[in-house]
Amino acid sequence: MSDADTQHRAGIAMIVAAAVAWSTAAFFTRLLHFDSWTILFWRGLFGGGAIALFLVASQGRQGARDLVAMPASGWLVAGLSTFGMVTFIPALQLTSASNIAVIIAMQPFAAAAIAWIWLRERARPTTLLASLVALAGVAITVSGAGGVADYRGIGLACLMILAIALMTVVIRRHRDTPMIAAAALSNFLGSAVSIPFGHGIAAVTAADLGVLALFGVCQVGLGLTLFTVGSRHLPSGEASLIATLETPLMPFWVWLAFHEAPSGHALIGGALVIGAVVADITAGMRAQPADQ
């Protein structure tokens, strides 16, 4: 086996592991019986610390400089990411993990729409078609919502996706943004804005801190680290395709641990959204050689 094949397989393994790590967000949120601000505070503290350690370990002084001398685009990225976090945790507490997973899978299409509006990037016809299919999937999922809490959770998840999609386009517009440093900063900002609102920040036990540390270090820090390192060995389309594993895995862990079964509407809508995402990424990968 050649060195390139070894690196490619290692890249696949790391992206799969990153998707598994990211997919545990709903699982950890269900384990913790605190208000969303308390969870956000401790998760951001541990997650930001883990990312900062990785940044300094991998980039040395340059990584430390990126943390303390963030450009304006980095602050914008961090601010949008923080807004996404602030809406993500309460969304997970208000509605089912399957509903959140379906909304999350819409992110590539939301980013494509914003890029078209802002940067005038023309979307491929396959992306436009996939977006319509994915929107139909989301509509089916939302039609199965069971009450006010469900609708609030879905609404917050939609706000999160808009923030993350806008953040993606900002990164594309400002390609020199130190993304890893901005990710660390966003976690610390999330902790800072939570302080006035968190009712249980000082009431956590040692066992709670252990769970919160795993949430921050594994779901946030390890997920980003594995994706960053693994994506260096794979084409971006392939990395994005593998990362979509997060969507079906998120409700799976919650079902396994808490017996929270997805609704029929979420299963049908999720299948449409996942199918649209996979089809669009696959079409993009096939089109790459022709575009180069």
C-alpha atoms as a PDB file:
ATOM      1  CA  MET A   1       0.000   0.000   0.000  1.00  0.00           C
ATOM      2  CA  SER A   2       1.410   3.394  -1.010  1.00  0.00           C
ATOM      3  CA  ASP A   3       1.890   6.273   1.412  1.00  0.00           C
ATOM      4  CA  ALA A   4      -0.880   8.217  -0.378  1.00  0.00           C
ATOM      5  CA  ASP A   5      -3.323   5.333   0.155  1.00  0.00           C
ATOM      6  CA  THR A   6      -2.376   5.139   3.830  1.00  0.00           C
ATOM      7  CA  GLN A   7      -2.939   8.862   4.298  1.00  0.00           C
ATOM      8  CA  HIS A   8      -6.253   8.683   2.437  1.00  0.00           C
ATOM      9  CA  ARG A   9      -7.510   5.871   4.662  1.00  0.00           C
ATOM     10  CA  ALA A  10      -6.309   7.711   7.767  1.00  0.00           C
ATOM     11  CA  GLY A  11      -8.165  10.805   6.554  1.00  0.00           C
ATOM     12  CA  ILE A  12     -11.378   8.835   6.099  1.00  0.00           C
ATOM     13  CA  ALA A  13     -11.040   7.314   9.573  1.00  0.00           C
ATOM     14  CA  MET A  14     -10.518  10.755  11.145  1.00  0.00           C
ATOM     15  CA  ILE A  15     -13.495  12.351   9.361  1.00  0.00           C
ATOM     16  CA  VAL A  16     -15.713   9.436  10.401  1.00  0.00           C
ATOM     17  CA  ALA A  17     -14.514   9.865  13.994  1.00  0.00           C
ATOM     18  CA  ALA A  18     -15.179  13.620  13.763  1.00  0.00           C
ATOM     19  CA  ALA A  19     -18.744  12.960  12.580  1.00  0.00           C
ATOM     20  CA  VAL A  20     -19.260  10.553  15.475  1.00  0.00           C
ATOM     21  CA  ALA A  21     -17.943  13.160  17.933  1.00  0.00           C
ATOM     22  CA  TRP A  22     -20.166  15.932  16.534  1.00  0.00           C
ATOM     23  CA  SER A  23     -23.210  13.645  16.577  1.00  0.00           C
ATOM     24  CA  THR A  24     -23.057  13.265  20.376  1.00  0.00           C
ATOM     25  CA  ALA A  25     -24.354  16.803  21.058  1.00  0.00           C
ATOM     26  CA  ALA A  26     -27.948  15.724  21.688  1.00  0.00           C
ATOM     27  CA  PHE A  27     -26.785  12.762  23.791  1.00  0.00           C
ATOM     28  CA  PHE A  28     -24.758  14.989  26.127  1.00  0.00           C
ATOM     29  CA  THR A  29     -27.534  17.577  26.296  1.00  0.00           C
ATOM     30  CA  ARG A  30     -30.010  14.892  27.378  1.00  0.00           C
ATOM     31  CA  LEU A  31     -27.604  13.728  30.086  1.00  0.00           C
ATOM     32  CA  LEU A  32     -27.387  17.188  31.660  1.00  0.00           C
ATOM     33  CA  HIS A  33     -30.347  18.568  33.623  1.00  0.00           C
ATOM     34  CA  PHE A  34     -29.281  22.208  33.598  1.00  0.00           C
ATOM     35  CA  ASP A  35     -30.502  25.327  31.848  1.00  0.00           C
ATOM     36  CA  SER A  36     -29.021  25.875  28.410  1.00  0.00           C
ATOM     37  CA  TRP A  37     -26.866  28.820  29.559  1.00  0.00           C
ATOM     38  CA  THR A  38     -25.146  26.716  32.227  1.00  0.00           C
ATOM     39  CA  ILE A  39     -24.425  23.976  29.683  1.00  0.00           C
ATOM     40  CA  LEU A  40     -23.181  26.553  27.186  1.00  0.00           C
ATOM     41  CA  PHE A  41     -20.856  28.130  29.761  1.00  0.00           C
ATOM     42  CA  TRP A  42     -19.063  24.929  30.760  1.00  0.00           C
ATOM     43  CA  ARG A  43     -19.127  23.375  27.276  1.00  0.00           C
ATOM     44  CA  GLY A  44     -17.583  26.546  25.834  1.00  0.00           C
ATOM     45  CA  LEU A  45     -14.929  26.693  28.530  1.00  0.00           C
ATOM     46  CA  PHE A  46     -13.796  23.106  28.029  1.00  0.00           C
ATOM     47  CA  GLY A  47     -14.277  23.147  24.245  1.00  0.00           C
ATOM     48  CA  GLY A  48     -12.460  26.456  23.762  1.00  0.00           C
ATOM     49  CA  GLY A  49      -9.624  25.291  25.981  1.00  0.00           C
ATOM     50  CA  ALA A  50      -9.232  22.044  24.026  1.00  0.00           C
ATOM     51  CA  ILE A  51      -9.196  23.860  20.669  1.00  0.00           C
ATOM     52  CA  ALA A  52      -6.708  26.466  21.953  1.00  0.00           C
ATOM     53  CA  LEU A  53      -4.361  23.706  23.173  1.00  0.00           C
ATOM     54  CA  PHE A  54      -4.573  21.979  19.783  1.00  0.00           C
ATOM     55  CA  LEU A  55      -3.889  25.261  17.994  1.00  0.00           C
ATOM     56  CA  VAL A  56      -0.787  26.064  20.045  1.00  0.00           C
ATOM     57  CA  ALA A  57       0.455  22.458  19.887  1.00  0.00           C
ATOM     58  CA  SER A  58       0.073  22.288  16.095  1.00  0.00           C
ATOM     59  CA  GLN A  59       1.087  25.831  15.110  1.00  0.00           C
ATOM     60  CA  GLY A  60       3.238  27.047  17.994  1.00  0.00           C
ATOM     61  CA  ARG A  61       3.736  30.784  18.311  1.00  0.00           C
ATOM     62  CA  GLN A  62       1.732  31.502  15.182  1.00  0.00           C
ATOM     63  CA  GLY A  63      -1.260  29.753  16.736  1.00  0.00           C
ATOM     64  CA  ALA A  64      -0.890  31.799  19.924  1.00  0.00           C
ATOM     65  CA  ARG A  65      -0.666  35.002  17.860  1.00  0.00           C
ATOM     66  CA  ASP A  66      -3.854  34.057  15.991  1.00  0.00           C
ATOM     67  CA  LEU A  67      -5.646  33.755  19.315  1.00  0.00           C
ATOM     68  CA  VAL A  68      -4.618  37.159  20.662  1.00  0.00           C
ATOM     69  CA  ALA A  69      -4.528  39.154  17.394  1.00  0.00           C
ATOM     70  CA  MET A  70      -7.781  38.148  15.707  1.00  0.00           C
ATOM     71  CA  PRO A  71      -8.656  40.106  12.541  1.00  0.00           C
ATOM     72  CA  ALA A  72     -12.098  41.627  12.069  1.00  0.00           C
ATOM     73  CA  SER A  73     -13.205  38.706   9.864  1.00  0.00           C
ATOM     74  CA  GLY A  74     -12.204  36.323  12.660  1.00  0.00           C
ATOM     75  CA  TRP A  75     -14.352  38.201  15.159  1.00  0.00           C
ATOM     76  CA  LEU A  76     -17.270  38.069  12.714  1.00  0.00           C
ATOM     77  CA  VAL A  77     -16.815  34.312  12.270  1.00  0.00           C
ATOM     78  CA  ALA A  78     -16.551  33.849  16.038  1.00  0.00           C
ATOM     79  CA  GLY A  79     -19.635  35.989  16.664  1.00  0.00           C
ATOM     80  CA  LEU A  80     -21.748  34.037  14.173  1.00  0.00           C
ATOM     81  CA  SER A  81     -20.504  30.741  15.592  1.00  0.00           C
ATOM     82  CA  THR A  82     -21.373  31.924  19.110  1.00  0.00           C
ATOM     83  CA  PHE A  83     -24.890  32.823  17.981  1.00  0.00           C
ATOM     84  CA  GLY A  84     -25.175  29.338  16.506  1.00  0.00           C
ATOM     85  CA  MET A  85     -24.154  27.803  19.837  1.00  0.00           C
ATOM     86  CA  VAL A  86     -26.572  29.980  21.808  1.00  0.00           C
ATOM     87  CA  THR A  87     -29.475  28.737  19.679  1.00  0.00           C
ATOM     88  CA  PHE A  88     -28.271  25.126  19.330  1.00  0.00           C
ATOM     89  CA  ILE A  89     -28.365  23.993  22.964  1.00  0.00           C
ATOM     90  CA  PRO A  90     -31.905  25.248  23.754  1.00  0.00           C
ATOM     91  CA  ALA A  91     -33.107  23.847  20.428  1.00  0.00           C
ATOM     92  CA  LEU A  92     -31.866  20.422  21.511  1.00  0.00           C
ATOM     93  CA  GLN A  93     -33.752  20.804  24.794  1.00  0.00           C
ATOM     94  CA  LEU A  94     -37.024  21.847  23.169  1.00  0.00           C
ATOM     95  CA  THR A  95     -37.457  19.398  20.290  1.00  0.00           C
ATOM     96  CA  SER A  96     -36.346  15.946  19.242  1.00  0.00           C
ATOM     97  CA  ALA A  97     -32.823  15.124  18.110  1.00  0.00           C
ATOM     98  CA  SER A  98     -34.191  13.855  14.790  1.00  0.00           C
ATOM     99  CA  ASN A  99     -35.833  17.221  14.056  1.00  0.00           C
ATOM    100  CA  ILE A 100     -32.569  19.032  14.812  1.00  0.00           C
ATOM    101  CA  ALA A 101     -30.586  16.600  12.671  1.00  0.00           C
ATOM    102  CA  VAL A 102     -32.834  17.212   9.658  1.00  0.00           C
ATOM    103  CA  ILE A 103     -32.433  20.985  10.009  1.00  0.00           C
ATOM    104  CA  ILE A 104     -28.650  20.676  10.403  1.00  0.00           C
ATOM    105  CA  ALA A 105     -28.434  18.727   7.150  1.00  0.00           C
ATOM    106  CA  MET A 106     -29.886  21.776   5.345  1.00  0.00           C
ATOM    107  CA  GLN A 107     -26.783  23.863   6.100  1.00  0.00           C
ATOM    108  CA  PRO A 108     -25.003  23.366   2.718  1.00  0.00           C
ATOM    109  CA  PHE A 109     -28.056  24.622   0.849  1.00  0.00           C
ATOM    110  CA  ALA A 110     -28.516  27.603   3.150  1.00  0.00           C
ATOM    111  CA  ALA A 111     -24.849  28.491   2.577  1.00  0.00           C
ATOM    112  CA  ALA A 112     -25.303  28.170  -1.200  1.00  0.00           C
ATOM    113  CA  ALA A 113     -28.305  30.534  -1.078  1.00  0.00           C
ATOM    114  CA  ILE A 114     -26.413  33.134   0.973  1.00  0.00           C
ATOM    115  CA  ALA A 115     -23.374  32.840  -1.321  1.00  0.00           C
ATOM    116  CA  TRP A 116     -25.620  33.494  -4.312  1.00  0.00           C
ATOM    117  CA  ILE A 117     -27.223  36.542  -2.669  1.00  0.00           C
ATOM    118  CA  TRP A 118     -23.986  38.019  -1.290  1.00  0.00           C
ATOM    119  CA  LEU A 119     -21.160  36.815  -3.534  1.00  0.00           C
ATOM    120  CA  ARG A 120     -23.211  36.141  -6.659  1.00  0.00           C
ATOM    121  CA  GLU A 121     -21.884  32.576  -6.767  1.00  0.00           C
ATOM    122  CA  ARG A 122     -23.937  30.593  -9.228  1.00  0.00           C
ATOM    123  CA  ALA A 123     -25.184  27.293  -7.863  1.00  0.00           C
ATOM    124  CA  ARG A 124     -25.066  24.161  -9.987  1.00  0.00           C
ATOM    125  CA  PRO A 125     -28.448  22.990 -11.343  1.00  0.00           C
ATOM    126  CA  THR A 126     -28.054  19.837  -9.248  1.00  0.00           C
ATOM    127  CA  THR A 127     -27.686  22.006  -6.114  1.00  0.00           C
ATOM    128  CA  LEU A 128     -30.866  23.913  -6.945  1.00  0.00           C
ATOM    129  CA  LEU A 129     -32.781  20.672  -7.441  1.00  0.00           C
ATOM    130  CA  ALA A 130     -31.312  19.150  -4.268  1.00  0.00           C
ATOM    131  CA  SER A 131     -32.267  22.303  -2.334  1.00  0.00           C
ATOM    132  CA  LEU A 132     -35.904  21.949  -3.394  1.00  0.00           C
ATOM    133  CA  VAL A 133     -35.935  18.287  -2.357  1.00  0.00           C
ATOM    134  CA  ALA A 134     -34.305  19.155   0.990  1.00  0.00           C
ATOM    135  CA  LEU A 135     -36.826  21.951   1.603  1.00  0.00           C
ATOM    136  CA  ALA A 136     -39.623  19.464   0.986  1.00  0.00           C
ATOM    137  CA  GLY A 137     -37.992  17.182   3.547  1.00  0.00           C
ATOM    138  CA  VAL A 138     -37.844  19.967   6.123  1.00  0.00           C
ATOM    139  CA  ALA A 139     -41.490  20.871   5.432  1.00  0.00           C
ATOM    140  CA  ILE A 140     -42.533  17.260   6.057  1.00  0.00           C
ATOM    141  CA  THR A 141     -40.511  17.193   9.279  1.00  0.00           C
ATOM    142  CA  VAL A 142     -42.000  20.456  10.552  1.00  0.00           C
ATOM    143  CA  SER A 143     -45.525  19.279   9.697  1.00  0.00           C
ATOM    144  CA  GLY A 144     -45.091  16.559  12.297  1.00  0.00           C
ATOM    145  CA  ALA A 145     -44.195  18.960  15.116  1.00  0.00           C
ATOM    146  CA  GLY A 146     -46.151  18.159  18.253  1.00  0.00           C
ATOM    147  CA  GLY A 147     -46.588  21.467  20.047  1.00  0.00           C
ATOM    148  CA  VAL A 148     -45.255  24.903  20.945  1.00  0.00           C
ATOM    149  CA  ALA A 149     -41.959  23.554  22.314  1.00  0.00           C
ATOM    150  CA  ASP A 150     -41.352  21.602  19.108  1.00  0.00           C
ATOM    151  CA  TYR A 151     -41.943  24.674  16.954  1.00  0.00           C
ATOM    152  CA  ARG A 152     -39.699  26.814  19.173  1.00  0.00           C
ATOM    153  CA  GLY A 153     -36.929  24.229  18.979  1.00  0.00           C
ATOM    154  CA  ILE A 154     -37.225  23.955  15.206  1.00  0.00           C
ATOM    155  CA  GLY A 155     -37.249  27.753  14.916  1.00  0.00           C
ATOM    156  CA  LEU A 156     -34.073  28.036  16.996  1.00  0.00           C
ATOM    157  CA  ALA A 157     -32.439  25.302  14.909  1.00  0.00           C
ATOM    158  CA  CYS A 158     -33.281  27.266  11.745  1.00  0.00           C
ATOM    159  CA  LEU A 159     -31.669  30.387  13.238  1.00  0.00           C
ATOM    160  CA  MET A 160     -28.606  28.315  14.082  1.00  0.00           C
ATOM    161  CA  ILE A 161     -28.322  27.016  10.526  1.00  0.00           C
ATOM    162  CA  LEU A 162     -28.647  30.531   9.094  1.00  0.00           C
ATOM    163  CA  ALA A 163     -25.843  31.719  11.391  1.00  0.00           C
ATOM    164  CA  ILE A 164     -23.556  28.804  10.506  1.00  0.00           C
ATOM    165  CA  ALA A 165     -24.332  29.137   6.795  1.00  0.00           C
ATOM    166  CA  LEU A 166     -23.508  32.856   6.931  1.00  0.00           C
ATOM    167  CA  MET A 167     -20.321  32.018   8.831  1.00  0.00           C
ATOM    168  CA  THR A 168     -19.371  29.560   6.068  1.00  0.00           C
ATOM    169  CA  VAL A 169     -19.787  32.253   3.419  1.00  0.00           C
ATOM    170  CA  VAL A 170     -17.764  34.766   5.482  1.00  0.00           C
ATOM    171  CA  ILE A 171     -14.931  32.220   5.650  1.00  0.00           C
ATOM    172  CA  ARG A 172     -15.153  31.754   1.889  1.00  0.00           C
ATOM    173  CA  ARG A 173     -15.104  35.542   1.401  1.00  0.00           C
ATOM    174  CA  HIS A 174     -12.156  36.002   3.789  1.00  0.00           C
ATOM    175  CA  ARG A 175     -10.050  32.910   3.155  1.00  0.00           C
ATOM    176  CA  ASP A 176      -7.211  34.129   5.351  1.00  0.00           C
ATOM    177  CA  THR A 177      -9.398  33.950   8.481  1.00  0.00           C
ATOM    178  CA  PRO A 178      -7.669  31.827  11.170  1.00  0.00           C
ATOM    179  CA  MET A 179     -10.574  29.413  11.479  1.00  0.00           C
ATOM    180  CA  ILE A 180      -9.285  27.269  14.346  1.00  0.00           C
ATOM    181  CA  ALA A 181      -8.467  30.328  16.445  1.00  0.00           C
ATOM    182  CA  ALA A 182     -11.918  31.766  15.653  1.00  0.00           C
ATOM    183  CA  ALA A 183     -13.485  28.476  16.790  1.00  0.00           C
ATOM    184  CA  ALA A 184     -11.658  28.686  20.121  1.00  0.00           C
ATOM    185  CA  LEU A 185     -12.695  32.336  20.510  1.00  0.00           C
ATOM    186  CA  SER A 186     -16.340  31.536  19.747  1.00  0.00           C
ATOM    187  CA  ASN A 187     -16.428  28.955  22.532  1.00  0.00           C
ATOM    188  CA  PHE A 188     -14.938  31.426  25.015  1.00  0.00           C
ATOM    189  CA  LEU A 189     -17.431  34.077  23.862  1.00  0.00           C
ATOM    190  CA  GLY A 190     -20.232  31.576  24.382  1.00  0.00           C
ATOM    191  CA  SER A 191     -19.057  31.082  27.954  1.00  0.00           C
ATOM    192  CA  ALA A 192     -18.793  34.832  28.554  1.00  0.00           C
ATOM    193  CA  VAL A 193     -22.309  35.669  27.332  1.00  0.00           C
ATOM    194  CA  SER A 194     -23.741  32.835  29.436  1.00  0.00           C
ATOM    195  CA  ILE A 195     -22.522  34.191  32.775  1.00  0.00           C
ATOM    196  CA  PRO A 196     -25.402  36.648  33.420  1.00  0.00           C
ATOM    197  CA  PHE A 197     -28.067  34.070  32.472  1.00  0.00           C
ATOM    198  CA  GLY A 198     -26.790  30.700  33.740  1.00  0.00           C
ATOM    199  CA  HIS A 199     -28.634  29.722  36.922  1.00  0.00           C
ATOM    200  CA  GLY A 200     -26.621  26.604  37.692  1.00  0.00           C
ATOM    201  CA  ILE A 201     -23.064  27.571  36.762  1.00  0.00           C
ATOM    202  CA  ALA A 202     -21.851  27.355  40.354  1.00  0.00           C
ATOM    203  CA  ALA A 203     -24.130  24.435  41.269  1.00  0.00           C
ATOM    204  CA  VAL A 204     -22.493  21.736  39.160  1.00  0.00           C
ATOM    205  CA  THR A 205     -21.081  18.693  40.941  1.00  0.00           C
ATOM    206  CA  ALA A 206     -17.824  16.894  40.188  1.00  0.00           C
ATOM    207  CA  ALA A 207     -19.789  14.288  38.205  1.00  0.00           C
ATOM    208  CA  ASP A 208     -21.526  17.041  36.231  1.00  0.00           C
ATOM    209  CA  LEU A 209     -18.177  18.645  35.459  1.00  0.00           C
ATOM    210  CA  GLY A 210     -16.935  15.321  34.146  1.00  0.00           C
ATOM    211  CA  VAL A 211     -19.847  15.086  31.708  1.00  0.00           C
ATOM    212  CA  LEU A 212     -19.474  18.754  30.725  1.00  0.00           C
ATOM    213  CA  ALA A 213     -15.740  18.257  30.150  1.00  0.00           C
ATOM    214  CA  LEU A 214     -16.452  15.285  27.881  1.00  0.00           C
ATOM    215  CA  PHE A 215     -19.069  17.369  26.070  1.00  0.00           C
ATOM    216  CA  GLY A 216     -16.646  20.219  25.435  1.00  0.00           C
ATOM    217  CA  VAL A 217     -13.457  18.257  24.819  1.00  0.00           C
ATOM    218  CA  CYS A 218     -14.882  15.338  22.825  1.00  0.00           C
ATOM    219  CA  GLN A 219     -17.870  16.789  20.976  1.00  0.00           C
ATOM    220  CA  VAL A 220     -16.376  20.232  20.282  1.00  0.00           C
ATOM    221  CA  GLY A 221     -12.588  20.018  20.578  1.00  0.00           C
ATOM    222  CA  LEU A 222     -11.969  16.476  19.344  1.00  0.00           C
ATOM    223  CA  GLY A 223     -14.538  16.790  16.569  1.00  0.00           C
ATOM    224  CA  LEU A 224     -12.918  19.923  15.144  1.00  0.00           C
ATOM    225  CA  THR A 225      -9.377  18.572  15.596  1.00  0.00           C
ATOM    226  CA  LEU A 226     -10.108  15.301  13.812  1.00  0.00           C
ATOM    227  CA  PHE A 227     -11.931  17.054  10.972  1.00  0.00           C
ATOM    228  CA  THR A 228      -9.142  19.627  10.548  1.00  0.00           C
ATOM    229  CA  VAL A 229      -6.394  17.004  10.406  1.00  0.00           C
ATOM    230  CA  GLY A 230      -8.371  14.447   8.415  1.00  0.00           C
ATOM    231  CA  SER A 231      -9.582  16.898   5.765  1.00  0.00           C
ATOM    232  CA  ARG A 232      -5.958  17.603   4.814  1.00  0.00           C
ATOM    233  CA  HIS A 233      -5.768  14.105   3.312  1.00  0.00           C
ATOM    234  CA  LEU A 234      -9.089  14.136   1.416  1.00  0.00           C
ATOM    235  CA  PRO A 235     -10.785  16.173  -1.324  1.00  0.00           C
ATOM    236  CA  SER A 236     -13.204  18.653   0.235  1.00  0.00           C
ATOM    237  CA  GLY A 237     -16.235  17.001  -1.395  1.00  0.00           C
ATOM    238  CA  GLU A 238     -15.340  13.590  -0.002  1.00  0.00           C
ATOM    239  CA  ALA A 239     -14.712  15.045   3.469  1.00  0.00           C
ATOM    240  CA  SER A 240     -18.091  16.826   3.401  1.00  0.00           C
ATOM    241  CA  LEU A 241     -19.840  13.653   2.258  1.00  0.00           C
ATOM    242  CA  ILE A 242     -18.380  11.574   5.089  1.00  0.00           C
ATOM    243  CA  ALA A 243     -19.198  14.311   7.618  1.00  0.00           C
ATOM    244  CA  THR A 244     -22.913  13.946   6.771  1.00  0.00           C
ATOM    245  CA  LEU A 245     -22.787  10.811   8.943  1.00  0.00           C
ATOM    246  CA  GLU A 246     -23.451  13.220  11.810  1.00  0.00           C
ATOM    247  CA  THR A 247     -27.075  13.599  10.731  1.00  0.00           C
ATOM    248  CA  PRO A 248     -28.304   9.990  11.108  1.00  0.00           C
ATOM    249  CA  LEU A 249     -26.016   9.325  14.082  1.00  0.00           C
ATOM    250  CA  MET A 250     -27.362  12.195  16.231  1.00  0.00           C
ATOM    251  CA  PRO A 251     -30.875  10.736  16.707  1.00  0.00           C
ATOM    252  CA  PHE A 252     -29.423   7.212  16.820  1.00  0.00           C
ATOM    253  CA  TRP A 253     -27.433   7.841  20.031  1.00  0.00           C
ATOM    254  CA  VAL A 254     -30.452   9.464  21.691  1.00  0.00           C
ATOM    255  CA  TRP A 255     -32.690   6.583  20.656  1.00  0.00           C
ATOM    256  CA  LEU A 256     -30.141   4.064  21.948  1.00  0.00           C
ATOM    257  CA  ALA A 257     -29.659   5.768  25.325  1.00  0.00           C
ATOM    258  CA  PHE A 258     -33.013   7.421  25.993  1.00  0.00           C
ATOM    259  CA  HIS A 259     -35.444   5.526  23.717  1.00  0.00           C
ATOM    260  CA  GLU A 260     -36.372   8.771  21.934  1.00  0.00           C
ATOM    261  CA  ALA A 261     -37.695   7.375  18.664  1.00  0.00           C
ATOM    262  CA  PRO A 262     -37.889   9.647  15.589  1.00  0.00           C
ATOM    263  CA  SER A 263     -41.385  10.440  14.351  1.00  0.00           C
ATOM    264  CA  GLY A 264     -42.557   9.144  10.997  1.00  0.00           C
ATOM    265  CA  HIS A 265     -42.478  12.686   9.603  1.00  0.00           C
ATOM    266  CA  ALA A 266     -38.851  13.101  10.742  1.00  0.00           C
ATOM    267  CA  LEU A 267     -37.834   9.785   9.163  1.00  0.00           C
ATOM    268  CA  ILE A 268     -39.391  10.672   5.808  1.00  0.00           C
ATOM    269  CA  GLY A 269     -38.153  14.274   5.867  1.00  0.00           C
ATOM    270  CA  GLY A 270     -34.704  13.212   7.049  1.00  0.00           C
ATOM    271  CA  ALA A 271     -34.411  10.644   4.265  1.00  0.00           C
ATOM    272  CA  LEU A 272     -35.216  13.323   1.681  1.00  0.00           C
ATOM    273  CA  VAL A 273     -32.733  15.812   3.148  1.00  0.00           C
ATOM    274  CA  ILE A 274     -29.906  13.283   3.517  1.00  0.00           C
ATOM    275  CA  GLY A 275     -30.548  11.966   0.014  1.00  0.00           C
ATOM    276  CA  ALA A 276     -30.412  15.507  -1.378  1.00  0.00           C
ATOM    277  CA  VAL A 277     -27.166  16.307   0.463  1.00  0.00           C
ATOM    278  CA  VAL A 278     -25.438  13.089  -0.639  1.00  0.00           C
ATOM    279  CA  ALA A 279     -26.622  13.477  -4.243  1.00  0.00           C
ATOM    280  CA  ASP A 280     -25.439  17.102  -4.419  1.00  0.00           C
ATOM    281  CA  ILE A 281     -22.007  16.403  -2.919  1.00  0.00           C
ATOM    282  CA  THR A 282     -21.550  13.365  -5.183  1.00  0.00           C
ATOM    283  CA  ALA A 283     -22.488  15.429  -8.243  1.00  0.00           C
ATOM    284  CA  GLY A 284     -20.006  18.112  -7.178  1.00  0.00           C
ATOM    285  CA  MET A 285     -17.223  15.549  -6.814  1.00  0.00           C
ATOM    286  CA  ARG A 286     -17.904  14.186 -10.297  1.00  0.00           C
ATOM    287  CA  ALA A 287     -17.919  17.706 -11.760  1.00  0.00           C
ATOM    288  CA  GLN A 288     -14.575  18.714 -10.222  1.00  0.00           C
ATOM    289  CA  PRO A 289     -12.296  17.228 -12.903  1.00  0.00           C
ATOM    290  CA  ALA A 290     -14.310  19.009 -15.611  1.00  0.00           C
ATOM    291  CA  ASP A 291     -14.023  22.321 -13.785  1.00  0.00           C
ATOM    292  CA  GLN A 292     -10.261  22.136 -13.310  1.00  0.00           C
END
